[in-house]
Amino acid sequence: MYATASSTRLKAARRLTKRALRQRERAFLAEGPQAVSEALASGARVGGLFVTGPAQARHAELVAKAADAGTDVQVVSGEVMSELAQTVTPQGLLAVCGFVDVPLQAVAGARPRPRLVALLANVRDPGNAGTVLRVADAAGADAVVFADASVDPYNGKCVRASAGSLFHLPVVVGARPREAVAALREAGLRIVAADGQAASGIDDPQASGRLAAPTAWLFGNEAWGLPPELLDLADESVAVPIYGRAESLNLAAAAAVCLYASATAQRNAATGAVVRPSRALESVHNPSPAS
């Protein structure tokens, strides 16, 4: 029997589409089998699971796993799922999860020390932000920091774009950029700003060589990049070169190039491999599909 749209749990879940109410409840919605599976596997607090009849049949093992873990499972109609999921074509599974973010000091004070971190400053587009989170996870980054003026990582579109990576690596939410930079620098990371107007390119031999050191990449707004006051916080600014006729790269694509360049340089340094700078970019010519 379907849960009715007026049920207490459904009303509570529907409120989590609003940021202020997510923050009050410290809970958010994770949609789709990938996100639900990663939430359960990570040990995140999953307070409830809503599933349509067809999705329950398709993902019987996953639904059973949630139930075995003590999660309250409710079967809902496709109409109710559409209201909760806020997508054109809902996948039929949606979990209510507790916040997973950690304090800044948990990243800066981690042992072993972090070697690769993404710091998002004034990043407003949830799809881009979620994809950067996914890319950072794929590149083996140690954390992603969402500065206070950036999008909420628990925004539904951001959660979907992260494809489960939100549950894989430490995420810091609401840090002030200056405080985040100071803490990461104290932890031994160089702060490198991704700036399309920088004089030095990421394929420059000297700039590429420095990426082997522990690095925190500073990424700015999709439209206007990093303002001077944030660029001044960085130890260095580098640009992703444009070899063709494109006007620019979007944030997620640029972040993929930067994070993989660092990951490659760090791994080459660890193994003693000698690789030309252009080779360091080969792994990002075809990054994972971005949302």
C-alpha atoms as a PDB file:
ATOM      1  CA  MET A   1       0.000   0.000   0.000  1.00  0.00           C
ATOM      2  CA  TYR A   2       1.326   3.424  -0.959  1.00  0.00           C
ATOM      3  CA  ALA A   3       2.167   6.024   1.658  1.00  0.00           C
ATOM      4  CA  THR A   4      -0.134   9.020   1.260  1.00  0.00           C
ATOM      5  CA  ALA A   5       1.125  12.456   0.296  1.00  0.00           C
ATOM      6  CA  SER A   6      -0.116  13.760   3.639  1.00  0.00           C
ATOM      7  CA  SER A   7       1.928  11.355   5.779  1.00  0.00           C
ATOM      8  CA  THR A   8       4.173  12.897   8.421  1.00  0.00           C
ATOM      9  CA  ARG A   9       7.384  11.441   6.969  1.00  0.00           C
ATOM     10  CA  LEU A  10       6.571  12.641   3.461  1.00  0.00           C
ATOM     11  CA  LYS A  11       5.823  16.133   4.692  1.00  0.00           C
ATOM     12  CA  ALA A  12       9.121  16.190   6.585  1.00  0.00           C
ATOM     13  CA  ALA A  13      11.030  14.959   3.523  1.00  0.00           C
ATOM     14  CA  ARG A  14       9.366  17.499   1.236  1.00  0.00           C
ATOM     15  CA  ARG A  15      10.604  20.313   3.496  1.00  0.00           C
ATOM     16  CA  LEU A  16      14.192  19.265   2.786  1.00  0.00           C
ATOM     17  CA  THR A  17      13.959  20.743  -0.698  1.00  0.00           C
ATOM     18  CA  LYS A  18      14.496  24.117   1.042  1.00  0.00           C
ATOM     19  CA  ARG A  19      18.025  25.032   2.127  1.00  0.00           C
ATOM     20  CA  ALA A  20      17.024  26.716   5.376  1.00  0.00           C
ATOM     21  CA  LEU A  21      15.053  23.668   6.463  1.00  0.00           C
ATOM     22  CA  ARG A  22      17.873  21.315   5.446  1.00  0.00           C
ATOM     23  CA  GLN A  23      20.200  23.275   7.692  1.00  0.00           C
ATOM     24  CA  ARG A  24      17.715  23.247  10.553  1.00  0.00           C
ATOM     25  CA  GLU A  25      17.205  19.493  10.323  1.00  0.00           C
ATOM     26  CA  ARG A  26      20.784  18.730   9.207  1.00  0.00           C
ATOM     27  CA  ALA A  27      19.331  16.343   6.675  1.00  0.00           C
ATOM     28  CA  PHE A  28      19.040  16.212   2.884  1.00  0.00           C
ATOM     29  CA  LEU A  29      17.628  14.123   0.051  1.00  0.00           C
ATOM     30  CA  ALA A  30      19.789  11.754  -2.001  1.00  0.00           C
ATOM     31  CA  GLU A  31      18.140  10.503  -5.184  1.00  0.00           C
ATOM     32  CA  GLY A  32      18.822   7.429  -7.277  1.00  0.00           C
ATOM     33  CA  PRO A  33      20.293   3.960  -6.729  1.00  0.00           C
ATOM     34  CA  GLN A  34      23.891   5.170  -6.948  1.00  0.00           C
ATOM     35  CA  ALA A  35      23.486   7.814  -4.258  1.00  0.00           C
ATOM     36  CA  VAL A  36      21.414   5.541  -2.008  1.00  0.00           C
ATOM     37  CA  SER A  37      23.912   2.697  -2.370  1.00  0.00           C
ATOM     38  CA  GLU A  38      26.876   4.949  -1.549  1.00  0.00           C
ATOM     39  CA  ALA A  39      25.053   6.473   1.420  1.00  0.00           C
ATOM     40  CA  LEU A  40      24.434   3.037   2.907  1.00  0.00           C
ATOM     41  CA  ALA A  41      27.963   1.811   2.149  1.00  0.00           C
ATOM     42  CA  SER A  42      29.570   4.896   3.697  1.00  0.00           C
ATOM     43  CA  GLY A  43      27.786   4.490   7.006  1.00  0.00           C
ATOM     44  CA  ALA A  44      25.983   7.806   6.630  1.00  0.00           C
ATOM     45  CA  ARG A  45      22.826   8.227   8.669  1.00  0.00           C
ATOM     46  CA  VAL A  46      19.926   7.197   6.416  1.00  0.00           C
ATOM     47  CA  GLY A  47      16.717   8.043   8.199  1.00  0.00           C
ATOM     48  CA  GLY A  48      14.258   6.920   5.561  1.00  0.00           C
ATOM     49  CA  LEU A  49      13.921   5.551   2.053  1.00  0.00           C
ATOM     50  CA  PHE A  50      11.102   6.336  -0.356  1.00  0.00           C
ATOM     51  CA  VAL A  51      10.693   3.998  -3.324  1.00  0.00           C
ATOM     52  CA  THR A  52       8.154   3.528  -6.090  1.00  0.00           C
ATOM     53  CA  GLY A  53       6.743   0.084  -6.802  1.00  0.00           C
ATOM     54  CA  PRO A  54       8.645  -0.355 -10.097  1.00  0.00           C
ATOM     55  CA  ALA A  55      11.914   0.822  -8.523  1.00  0.00           C
ATOM     56  CA  GLN A  56      11.416  -1.570  -5.617  1.00  0.00           C
ATOM     57  CA  ALA A  57      11.203  -4.427  -8.115  1.00  0.00           C
ATOM     58  CA  ARG A  58      14.273  -3.233 -10.068  1.00  0.00           C
ATOM     59  CA  HIS A  59      16.416  -2.620  -6.988  1.00  0.00           C
ATOM     60  CA  ALA A  60      15.103  -5.269  -4.625  1.00  0.00           C
ATOM     61  CA  GLU A  61      18.548  -6.069  -3.218  1.00  0.00           C
ATOM     62  CA  LEU A  62      19.307  -2.416  -2.440  1.00  0.00           C
ATOM     63  CA  VAL A  63      15.914  -1.861  -0.813  1.00  0.00           C
ATOM     64  CA  ALA A  64      16.398  -5.007   1.262  1.00  0.00           C
ATOM     65  CA  LYS A  65      19.851  -3.797   2.325  1.00  0.00           C
ATOM     66  CA  ALA A  66      18.354  -0.516   3.509  1.00  0.00           C
ATOM     67  CA  ALA A  67      15.618  -2.323   5.433  1.00  0.00           C
ATOM     68  CA  ASP A  68      18.157  -4.688   7.011  1.00  0.00           C
ATOM     69  CA  ALA A  69      20.128  -1.646   8.172  1.00  0.00           C
ATOM     70  CA  GLY A  70      17.059  -0.420  10.054  1.00  0.00           C
ATOM     71  CA  THR A  71      16.025   2.226   7.525  1.00  0.00           C
ATOM     72  CA  ASP A  72      12.312   2.971   7.362  1.00  0.00           C
ATOM     73  CA  VAL A  73      11.209   2.090   3.807  1.00  0.00           C
ATOM     74  CA  GLN A  74       8.010   3.576   2.391  1.00  0.00           C
ATOM     75  CA  VAL A  75       6.514   2.797  -1.005  1.00  0.00           C
ATOM     76  CA  VAL A  76       5.122   5.889  -2.745  1.00  0.00           C
ATOM     77  CA  SER A  77       3.369   6.636  -6.004  1.00  0.00           C
ATOM     78  CA  GLY A  78       5.216   8.039  -9.009  1.00  0.00           C
ATOM     79  CA  GLU A  79       3.409  11.352  -8.488  1.00  0.00           C
ATOM     80  CA  VAL A  80       4.647  11.688  -4.917  1.00  0.00           C
ATOM     81  CA  MET A  81       8.174  10.686  -5.971  1.00  0.00           C
ATOM     82  CA  SER A  82       8.132  13.423  -8.630  1.00  0.00           C
ATOM     83  CA  GLU A  83       7.351  16.003  -5.956  1.00  0.00           C
ATOM     84  CA  LEU A  84      10.184  14.809  -3.736  1.00  0.00           C
ATOM     85  CA  ALA A  85      12.827  14.230  -6.415  1.00  0.00           C
ATOM     86  CA  GLN A  86      12.280  17.490  -8.319  1.00  0.00           C
ATOM     87  CA  THR A  87      13.569  15.934 -11.536  1.00  0.00           C
ATOM     88  CA  VAL A  88      11.915  15.467 -14.898  1.00  0.00           C
ATOM     89  CA  THR A  89      12.441  11.709 -14.805  1.00  0.00           C
ATOM     90  CA  PRO A  90      12.819  10.495 -11.206  1.00  0.00           C
ATOM     91  CA  GLN A  91      14.729   7.271 -10.685  1.00  0.00           C
ATOM     92  CA  GLY A  92      12.256   5.980  -8.111  1.00  0.00           C
ATOM     93  CA  LEU A  93      14.570   5.828  -5.095  1.00  0.00           C
ATOM     94  CA  LEU A  94      15.163   8.653  -2.657  1.00  0.00           C
ATOM     95  CA  ALA A  95      16.819   8.568   0.768  1.00  0.00           C
ATOM     96  CA  VAL A  96      16.709  11.028   3.651  1.00  0.00           C
ATOM     97  CA  CYS A  97      20.316  11.326   4.823  1.00  0.00           C
ATOM     98  CA  GLY A  98      22.010  13.153   7.652  1.00  0.00           C
ATOM     99  CA  PHE A  99      24.608  15.797   6.825  1.00  0.00           C
ATOM    100  CA  VAL A 100      28.070  14.362   6.216  1.00  0.00           C
ATOM    101  CA  ASP A 101      30.261  17.489   6.286  1.00  0.00           C
ATOM    102  CA  VAL A 102      33.203  17.828   8.647  1.00  0.00           C
ATOM    103  CA  PRO A 103      34.873  20.837  10.335  1.00  0.00           C
ATOM    104  CA  LEU A 104      37.713  22.571   8.500  1.00  0.00           C
ATOM    105  CA  GLN A 105      40.165  21.489  11.176  1.00  0.00           C
ATOM    106  CA  ALA A 106      39.290  17.839  10.540  1.00  0.00           C
ATOM    107  CA  VAL A 107      40.817  18.268   7.079  1.00  0.00           C
ATOM    108  CA  ALA A 108      43.655  20.638   7.952  1.00  0.00           C
ATOM    109  CA  GLY A 109      44.655  18.596  10.993  1.00  0.00           C
ATOM    110  CA  ALA A 110      44.289  15.163   9.386  1.00  0.00           C
ATOM    111  CA  ARG A 111      47.117  12.630   9.610  1.00  0.00           C
ATOM    112  CA  PRO A 112      48.594  11.866   7.204  1.00  0.00           C
ATOM    113  CA  ARG A 113      48.427  15.449   6.020  1.00  0.00           C
ATOM    114  CA  PRO A 114      46.270  16.205   2.975  1.00  0.00           C
ATOM    115  CA  ARG A 115      48.079  16.472  -0.350  1.00  0.00           C
ATOM    116  CA  LEU A 116      45.293  17.546  -2.696  1.00  0.00           C
ATOM    117  CA  VAL A 117      42.280  19.698  -1.826  1.00  0.00           C
ATOM    118  CA  ALA A 118      39.711  21.620  -3.898  1.00  0.00           C
ATOM    119  CA  LEU A 119      38.518  24.931  -2.425  1.00  0.00           C
ATOM    120  CA  LEU A 120      35.376  26.368  -4.034  1.00  0.00           C
ATOM    121  CA  ALA A 121      34.927  30.111  -3.581  1.00  0.00           C
ATOM    122  CA  ASN A 122      31.722  31.802  -4.806  1.00  0.00           C
ATOM    123  CA  VAL A 123      30.775  28.748  -6.863  1.00  0.00           C
ATOM    124  CA  ARG A 124      27.025  29.107  -7.347  1.00  0.00           C
ATOM    125  CA  ASP A 125      26.018  26.536  -9.964  1.00  0.00           C
ATOM    126  CA  PRO A 126      25.020  23.278  -8.224  1.00  0.00           C
ATOM    127  CA  GLY A 127      25.660  21.110 -11.282  1.00  0.00           C
ATOM    128  CA  ASN A 128      29.198  22.429 -11.648  1.00  0.00           C
ATOM    129  CA  ALA A 129      29.869  22.161  -7.922  1.00  0.00           C
ATOM    130  CA  GLY A 130      28.641  18.580  -7.763  1.00  0.00           C
ATOM    131  CA  THR A 131      30.738  17.638 -10.773  1.00  0.00           C
ATOM    132  CA  VAL A 132      33.837  19.194  -9.208  1.00  0.00           C
ATOM    133  CA  LEU A 133      33.148  17.064  -6.143  1.00  0.00           C
ATOM    134  CA  ARG A 134      32.952  13.992  -8.379  1.00  0.00           C
ATOM    135  CA  VAL A 135      36.150  14.942 -10.220  1.00  0.00           C
ATOM    136  CA  ALA A 136      37.995  15.572  -6.949  1.00  0.00           C
ATOM    137  CA  ASP A 137      36.942  12.136  -5.741  1.00  0.00           C
ATOM    138  CA  ALA A 138      38.094  10.522  -9.000  1.00  0.00           C
ATOM    139  CA  ALA A 139      41.447  12.344  -8.860  1.00  0.00           C
ATOM    140  CA  GLY A 140      42.069  11.061  -5.340  1.00  0.00           C
ATOM    141  CA  ALA A 141      41.726  14.421  -3.602  1.00  0.00           C
ATOM    142  CA  ASP A 142      41.682  14.422   0.193  1.00  0.00           C
ATOM    143  CA  ALA A 143      38.822  16.896   0.624  1.00  0.00           C
ATOM    144  CA  VAL A 144      36.596  19.518  -0.973  1.00  0.00           C
ATOM    145  CA  VAL A 145      35.945  22.796   0.836  1.00  0.00           C
ATOM    146  CA  PHE A 146      32.800  24.796  -0.002  1.00  0.00           C
ATOM    147  CA  ALA A 147      33.461  28.386   1.079  1.00  0.00           C
ATOM    148  CA  ASP A 148      30.607  30.306   2.693  1.00  0.00           C
ATOM    149  CA  ALA A 149      29.418  32.072  -0.475  1.00  0.00           C
ATOM    150  CA  SER A 150      29.270  28.881  -2.525  1.00  0.00           C
ATOM    151  CA  VAL A 151      26.255  26.717  -3.310  1.00  0.00           C
ATOM    152  CA  ASP A 152      24.928  24.319  -0.709  1.00  0.00           C
ATOM    153  CA  PRO A 153      26.469  20.883  -1.477  1.00  0.00           C
ATOM    154  CA  TYR A 154      23.209  19.331  -0.222  1.00  0.00           C
ATOM    155  CA  ASN A 155      21.241  21.034  -2.997  1.00  0.00           C
ATOM    156  CA  GLY A 156      19.434  18.271  -4.899  1.00  0.00           C
ATOM    157  CA  LYS A 157      21.122  19.030  -8.224  1.00  0.00           C
ATOM    158  CA  CYS A 158      24.549  19.167  -6.568  1.00  0.00           C
ATOM    159  CA  VAL A 159      23.980  15.827  -4.835  1.00  0.00           C
ATOM    160  CA  ARG A 160      22.924  14.218  -8.117  1.00  0.00           C
ATOM    161  CA  ALA A 161      25.885  15.677 -10.019  1.00  0.00           C
ATOM    162  CA  SER A 162      28.301  14.289  -7.435  1.00  0.00           C
ATOM    163  CA  ALA A 163      27.124  10.755  -8.372  1.00  0.00           C
ATOM    164  CA  GLY A 164      27.704   9.464  -4.851  1.00  0.00           C
ATOM    165  CA  SER A 165      31.071  11.167  -4.341  1.00  0.00           C
ATOM    166  CA  LEU A 166      29.552  13.343  -1.622  1.00  0.00           C
ATOM    167  CA  PHE A 167      29.770  10.231   0.570  1.00  0.00           C
ATOM    168  CA  HIS A 168      33.352   9.335  -0.398  1.00  0.00           C
ATOM    169  CA  LEU A 169      35.607  12.131   0.785  1.00  0.00           C
ATOM    170  CA  PRO A 170      35.573  14.792   3.509  1.00  0.00           C
ATOM    171  CA  VAL A 171      33.504  17.854   2.627  1.00  0.00           C
ATOM    172  CA  VAL A 172      33.733  21.138   4.512  1.00  0.00           C
ATOM    173  CA  VAL A 173      30.805  23.555   4.289  1.00  0.00           C
ATOM    174  CA  GLY A 174      30.633  27.284   5.021  1.00  0.00           C
ATOM    175  CA  ALA A 175      34.304  28.087   5.694  1.00  0.00           C
ATOM    176  CA  ARG A 176      35.437  31.651   5.105  1.00  0.00           C
ATOM    177  CA  PRO A 177      37.935  31.676   2.202  1.00  0.00           C
ATOM    178  CA  ARG A 178      40.659  33.497   4.149  1.00  0.00           C
ATOM    179  CA  GLU A 179      40.327  31.108   7.107  1.00  0.00           C
ATOM    180  CA  ALA A 180      40.287  28.074   4.819  1.00  0.00           C
ATOM    181  CA  VAL A 181      43.420  29.243   2.994  1.00  0.00           C
ATOM    182  CA  ALA A 182      45.224  29.920   6.272  1.00  0.00           C
ATOM    183  CA  ALA A 183      44.328  26.499   7.684  1.00  0.00           C
ATOM    184  CA  LEU A 184      45.335  24.643   4.516  1.00  0.00           C
ATOM    185  CA  ARG A 185      48.588  26.572   4.231  1.00  0.00           C
ATOM    186  CA  GLU A 186      49.346  25.766   7.875  1.00  0.00           C
ATOM    187  CA  ALA A 187      48.776  22.106   6.963  1.00  0.00           C
ATOM    188  CA  GLY A 188      51.563  22.372   4.399  1.00  0.00           C
ATOM    189  CA  LEU A 189      49.626  22.916   1.162  1.00  0.00           C
ATOM    190  CA  ARG A 190      50.474  25.504  -1.473  1.00  0.00           C
ATOM    191  CA  ILE A 191      47.456  27.514  -2.582  1.00  0.00           C
ATOM    192  CA  VAL A 192      47.175  27.578  -6.375  1.00  0.00           C
ATOM    193  CA  ALA A 193      44.427  29.651  -7.988  1.00  0.00           C
ATOM    194  CA  ALA A 194      42.888  28.575 -11.275  1.00  0.00           C
ATOM    195  CA  ASP A 195      42.740  31.854 -13.175  1.00  0.00           C
ATOM    196  CA  GLY A 196      42.122  32.118 -16.898  1.00  0.00           C
ATOM    197  CA  GLN A 197      44.046  35.414 -17.013  1.00  0.00           C
ATOM    198  CA  ALA A 198      47.185  34.135 -15.272  1.00  0.00           C
ATOM    199  CA  ALA A 199      50.487  34.652 -17.066  1.00  0.00           C
ATOM    200  CA  SER A 200      51.635  31.110 -16.324  1.00  0.00           C
ATOM    201  CA  GLY A 201      49.875  28.113 -17.858  1.00  0.00           C
ATOM    202  CA  ILE A 202      49.403  24.728 -16.248  1.00  0.00           C
ATOM    203  CA  ASP A 203      51.517  23.216 -19.037  1.00  0.00           C
ATOM    204  CA  ASP A 204      54.453  25.500 -18.225  1.00  0.00           C
ATOM    205  CA  PRO A 205      57.347  23.249 -17.084  1.00  0.00           C
ATOM    206  CA  GLN A 206      58.007  25.203 -13.891  1.00  0.00           C
ATOM    207  CA  ALA A 207      54.362  25.468 -12.901  1.00  0.00           C
ATOM    208  CA  SER A 208      53.813  21.806 -13.721  1.00  0.00           C
ATOM    209  CA  GLY A 209      56.797  20.794 -11.608  1.00  0.00           C
ATOM    210  CA  ARG A 210      55.478  22.625  -8.578  1.00  0.00           C
ATOM    211  CA  LEU A 211      52.217  20.661  -8.700  1.00  0.00           C
ATOM    212  CA  ALA A 212      54.020  17.663  -7.213  1.00  0.00           C
ATOM    213  CA  ALA A 213      53.928  19.478  -3.866  1.00  0.00           C
ATOM    214  CA  PRO A 214      50.820  19.277  -1.643  1.00  0.00           C
ATOM    215  CA  THR A 215      48.355  21.618  -3.313  1.00  0.00           C
ATOM    216  CA  ALA A 216      45.010  23.234  -2.580  1.00  0.00           C
ATOM    217  CA  TRP A 217      43.363  24.415  -5.786  1.00  0.00           C
ATOM    218  CA  LEU A 218      41.281  27.583  -5.448  1.00  0.00           C
ATOM    219  CA  PHE A 219      38.380  27.707  -7.911  1.00  0.00           C
ATOM    220  CA  GLY A 220      36.121  30.700  -8.421  1.00  0.00           C
ATOM    221  CA  ASN A 221      32.734  31.617  -9.817  1.00  0.00           C
ATOM    222  CA  GLU A 222      31.693  30.098 -13.150  1.00  0.00           C
ATOM    223  CA  ALA A 223      31.032  33.490 -14.774  1.00  0.00           C
ATOM    224  CA  TRP A 224      33.594  35.904 -13.350  1.00  0.00           C
ATOM    225  CA  GLY A 225      36.276  33.716 -11.824  1.00  0.00           C
ATOM    226  CA  LEU A 226      38.231  34.834  -8.786  1.00  0.00           C
ATOM    227  CA  PRO A 227      38.189  38.488  -7.658  1.00  0.00           C
ATOM    228  CA  PRO A 228      41.511  40.203  -6.830  1.00  0.00           C
ATOM    229  CA  GLU A 229      41.061  39.786  -3.063  1.00  0.00           C
ATOM    230  CA  LEU A 230      40.855  36.006  -3.456  1.00  0.00           C
ATOM    231  CA  LEU A 231      43.639  35.808  -6.030  1.00  0.00           C
ATOM    232  CA  ASP A 232      45.836  37.632  -3.515  1.00  0.00           C
ATOM    233  CA  LEU A 233      45.360  34.736  -1.082  1.00  0.00           C
ATOM    234  CA  ALA A 234      47.052  32.289  -3.461  1.00  0.00           C
ATOM    235  CA  ASP A 235      50.732  31.443  -3.623  1.00  0.00           C
ATOM    236  CA  GLU A 236      50.472  31.157  -7.391  1.00  0.00           C
ATOM    237  CA  SER A 237      47.928  31.565 -10.177  1.00  0.00           C
ATOM    238  CA  VAL A 238      47.885  29.408 -13.283  1.00  0.00           C
ATOM    239  CA  ALA A 239      45.691  29.214 -16.364  1.00  0.00           C
ATOM    240  CA  VAL A 240      44.396  26.212 -18.265  1.00  0.00           C
ATOM    241  CA  PRO A 241      45.576  26.907 -21.832  1.00  0.00           C
ATOM    242  CA  ILE A 242      43.058  27.080 -24.650  1.00  0.00           C
ATOM    243  CA  TYR A 243      44.611  25.608 -27.786  1.00  0.00           C
ATOM    244  CA  GLY A 244      41.520  25.717 -29.942  1.00  0.00           C
ATOM    245  CA  ARG A 245      38.853  28.324 -30.618  1.00  0.00           C
ATOM    246  CA  ALA A 246      36.721  27.816 -27.487  1.00  0.00           C
ATOM    247  CA  GLU A 247      36.221  31.010 -25.506  1.00  0.00           C
ATOM    248  CA  SER A 248      36.832  29.193 -22.227  1.00  0.00           C
ATOM    249  CA  LEU A 249      36.250  26.021 -20.225  1.00  0.00           C
ATOM    250  CA  ASN A 250      33.480  25.736 -17.695  1.00  0.00           C
ATOM    251  CA  LEU A 251      34.388  25.323 -14.048  1.00  0.00           C
ATOM    252  CA  ALA A 252      34.019  21.542 -13.915  1.00  0.00           C
ATOM    253  CA  ALA A 253      36.160  20.971 -17.014  1.00  0.00           C
ATOM    254  CA  ALA A 254      38.878  23.335 -15.780  1.00  0.00           C
ATOM    255  CA  ALA A 255      38.831  21.702 -12.348  1.00  0.00           C
ATOM    256  CA  ALA A 256      39.264  18.280 -13.970  1.00  0.00           C
ATOM    257  CA  VAL A 257      42.380  19.476 -15.801  1.00  0.00           C
ATOM    258  CA  CYS A 258      43.857  21.089 -12.678  1.00  0.00           C
ATOM    259  CA  LEU A 259      43.123  18.306 -10.207  1.00  0.00           C
ATOM    260  CA  TYR A 260      44.320  15.552 -12.515  1.00  0.00           C
ATOM    261  CA  ALA A 261      47.480  17.507 -13.329  1.00  0.00           C
ATOM    262  CA  SER A 262      48.243  17.659  -9.603  1.00  0.00           C
ATOM    263  CA  ALA A 263      47.319  14.016  -9.038  1.00  0.00           C
ATOM    264  CA  THR A 264      49.544  12.922 -11.924  1.00  0.00           C
ATOM    265  CA  ALA A 265      52.475  15.079 -10.806  1.00  0.00           C
ATOM    266  CA  GLN A 266      52.218  13.810  -7.232  1.00  0.00           C
ATOM    267  CA  ARG A 267      52.098  10.182  -8.305  1.00  0.00           C
ATOM    268  CA  ASN A 268      55.011  10.623 -10.680  1.00  0.00           C
ATOM    269  CA  ALA A 269      57.027  12.244  -7.902  1.00  0.00           C
ATOM    270  CA  ALA A 270      56.208   9.374  -5.553  1.00  0.00           C
ATOM    271  CA  THR A 271      57.396   6.776  -8.072  1.00  0.00           C
ATOM    272  CA  GLY A 272      60.325   8.789  -9.399  1.00  0.00           C
ATOM    273  CA  ALA A 273      58.871   8.819 -12.904  1.00  0.00           C
ATOM    274  CA  VAL A 274      59.967  11.545 -15.292  1.00  0.00           C
ATOM    275  CA  VAL A 275      57.087  12.724 -17.452  1.00  0.00           C
ATOM    276  CA  ARG A 276      56.965  15.690 -19.810  1.00  0.00           C
ATOM    277  CA  PRO A 277      54.397  18.343 -18.720  1.00  0.00           C
ATOM    278  CA  SER A 278      52.185  17.670 -21.731  1.00  0.00           C
ATOM    279  CA  ARG A 279      51.937  13.996 -20.732  1.00  0.00           C
ATOM    280  CA  ALA A 280      50.651  15.055 -17.319  1.00  0.00           C
ATOM    281  CA  LEU A 281      47.506  16.321 -19.008  1.00  0.00           C
ATOM    282  CA  GLU A 282      46.744  13.154 -20.968  1.00  0.00           C
ATOM    283  CA  SER A 283      44.601  11.711 -18.202  1.00  0.00           C
ATOM    284  CA  VAL A 284      42.207  14.673 -18.378  1.00  0.00           C
ATOM    285  CA  HIS A 285      41.669  14.799 -22.131  1.00  0.00           C
ATOM    286  CA  ASN A 286      38.629  12.574 -21.595  1.00  0.00           C
ATOM    287  CA  PRO A 287      37.394  13.179 -18.046  1.00  0.00           C
ATOM    288  CA  SER A 288      34.380  11.380 -16.594  1.00  0.00           C
ATOM    289  CA  PRO A 289      31.090  12.690 -18.024  1.00  0.00           C
ATOM    290  CA  ALA A 290      30.073  15.855 -16.214  1.00  0.00           C
ATOM    291  CA  SER A 291      26.548  16.629 -15.230  1.00  0.00           C
END
